[in-house]
Protein backbone atom coordinates (compact mmCIF):
# COMPACT_ATOMS: atom_id res chain seq x y z
CA ALA A 1 199.98 -19.90 72.64
CA ALA A 2 202.35 -21.85 71.55
CA SER A 3 202.52 -21.07 68.19
CA GLY A 4 203.68 -17.41 69.55
CA ALA A 5 207.39 -19.89 70.11
CA GLY A 6 207.56 -21.40 67.05
CA GLN A 7 206.95 -24.88 65.30
CA ALA A 8 209.28 -26.71 67.82
CA ALA A 9 206.57 -25.13 71.07
CA MET A 10 203.18 -26.80 68.76
CA ASP A 11 205.30 -29.75 68.66
CA GLU A 12 206.25 -29.75 72.32
CA LEU A 13 202.76 -28.93 73.44
CA GLU A 14 201.03 -31.97 71.48
CA GLN A 15 204.46 -33.81 72.03
CA GLN A 16 203.65 -33.01 76.35
CA ALA A 17 199.36 -33.98 75.80
CA ARG A 18 200.51 -37.12 74.00
CA ASP A 19 203.71 -37.62 77.07
CA TRP A 20 200.86 -37.48 79.63
CA ILE A 21 198.19 -39.05 77.83
CA LYS A 22 200.23 -42.26 78.42
CA GLY A 23 201.44 -41.79 82.10
CA ASP A 24 204.93 -40.96 80.23
CA PRO A 25 207.00 -38.35 81.80
CA LEU A 26 206.73 -34.50 80.10
CA THR A 27 208.99 -34.13 77.18
CA GLN A 28 209.92 -30.25 78.35
CA ASP A 29 212.41 -29.48 75.66
CA ILE A 30 211.27 -25.96 75.14
CA PHE A 31 209.62 -23.85 77.68
CA GLY A 32 211.56 -26.27 80.41
CA ARG A 33 208.45 -26.99 81.89
CA GLN A 34 205.11 -28.53 81.74
CA TYR A 35 202.86 -26.29 79.54
CA VAL A 36 199.99 -29.00 78.45
CA TRP A 37 197.28 -28.13 81.54
CA ASN A 38 198.72 -24.98 82.88
CA LEU A 39 198.97 -21.53 82.68
CA PHE A 40 202.49 -19.36 82.66
CA SER A 41 203.99 -16.00 82.42
CA HIS A 42 204.88 -14.90 79.16
CA ASN A 43 208.43 -16.96 78.95
CA SER A 44 210.42 -13.41 78.38
CA ASP A 45 212.55 -11.16 80.48
CA ILE A 46 210.76 -9.11 83.57
CA ASP A 47 211.41 -5.72 83.89
CA GLN A 48 212.55 -5.75 87.39
CA ALA A 49 211.01 -1.92 88.04
CA THR A 50 208.25 -2.63 86.70
CA GLY A 51 207.90 -6.52 87.36
CA TYR A 52 206.26 -6.57 83.85
CA ASN A 53 207.15 -9.02 80.83
CA GLU A 54 208.62 -7.91 77.59
CA GLU A 55 205.18 -8.50 76.21
CA GLU A 56 202.81 -6.68 78.99
CA THR A 57 205.67 -4.23 77.88
CA LYS A 58 204.75 -3.55 74.60
CA MET A 59 201.21 -4.04 75.44
CA ILE A 60 201.10 -0.99 77.60
CA LYS A 61 203.04 1.15 75.04
CA GLU A 62 201.45 0.55 72.69
CA THR A 63 198.05 1.46 74.16
CA LYS A 64 199.74 5.08 75.40
CA LYS A 65 200.28 5.82 71.65
CA ILE A 66 196.50 4.66 70.25
CA PHE A 67 195.58 7.05 72.58
CA ASN A 68 197.83 9.65 72.68
CA GLU A 69 197.94 9.85 76.11
CA PRO A 70 201.36 9.10 77.50
CA ASP A 71 199.89 9.92 81.19
CA ILE A 72 197.20 7.50 81.31
CA ASP A 73 197.42 4.18 83.91
CA VAL A 74 197.30 0.53 82.14
CA THR A 75 197.73 -2.40 83.39
CA ALA A 76 198.77 -5.25 81.25
CA THR A 77 198.77 -9.60 81.77
CA CYS A 78 200.28 -11.17 79.48
CA ILE A 79 200.95 -15.42 79.61
CA ARG A 80 201.26 -18.69 77.60
CA VAL A 81 198.00 -20.85 77.59
CA PRO A 82 198.55 -23.98 75.59
CA VAL A 83 196.40 -23.77 72.83
CA LEU A 84 197.58 -23.85 68.99
CA ARG A 85 197.34 -21.22 67.61
CA ALA A 86 195.02 -17.85 69.38
CA HIS A 87 195.67 -13.94 70.83
CA CYS A 88 193.83 -12.07 73.84
CA GLU A 89 194.43 -9.71 75.93
CA SER A 90 193.85 -8.29 78.83
CA ILE A 91 194.12 -4.46 79.61
CA ASN A 92 192.58 -2.97 82.23
CA LEU A 93 192.76 1.54 81.74
CA SER A 94 192.15 4.08 83.99
CA LEU A 95 189.94 7.12 82.49
CA LYS A 96 189.46 10.24 84.10
CA ASN A 97 185.66 11.16 82.66
CA PRO A 98 182.99 7.76 82.29
């Protein structure tokens, strides 16, 4: 959600919606791209070894910590969604037993 990047990002999302409705060029000061009606990888650094962004890496580490299982296979996806406030996670686990 835009709120994760602060009030300025929320303001820009609202401004992009107004720009889009009017047919004006979209304001792109915060994310440097169109955010309204679009999804993109969380705007954090990408780990070159794993391909995960920082938020995905945090989710993977936290899941292993919660389960107290450092060898559990975890896959995570973290994207920016064009809404003002919300949070959602997608985490996949591979377990040995059903």
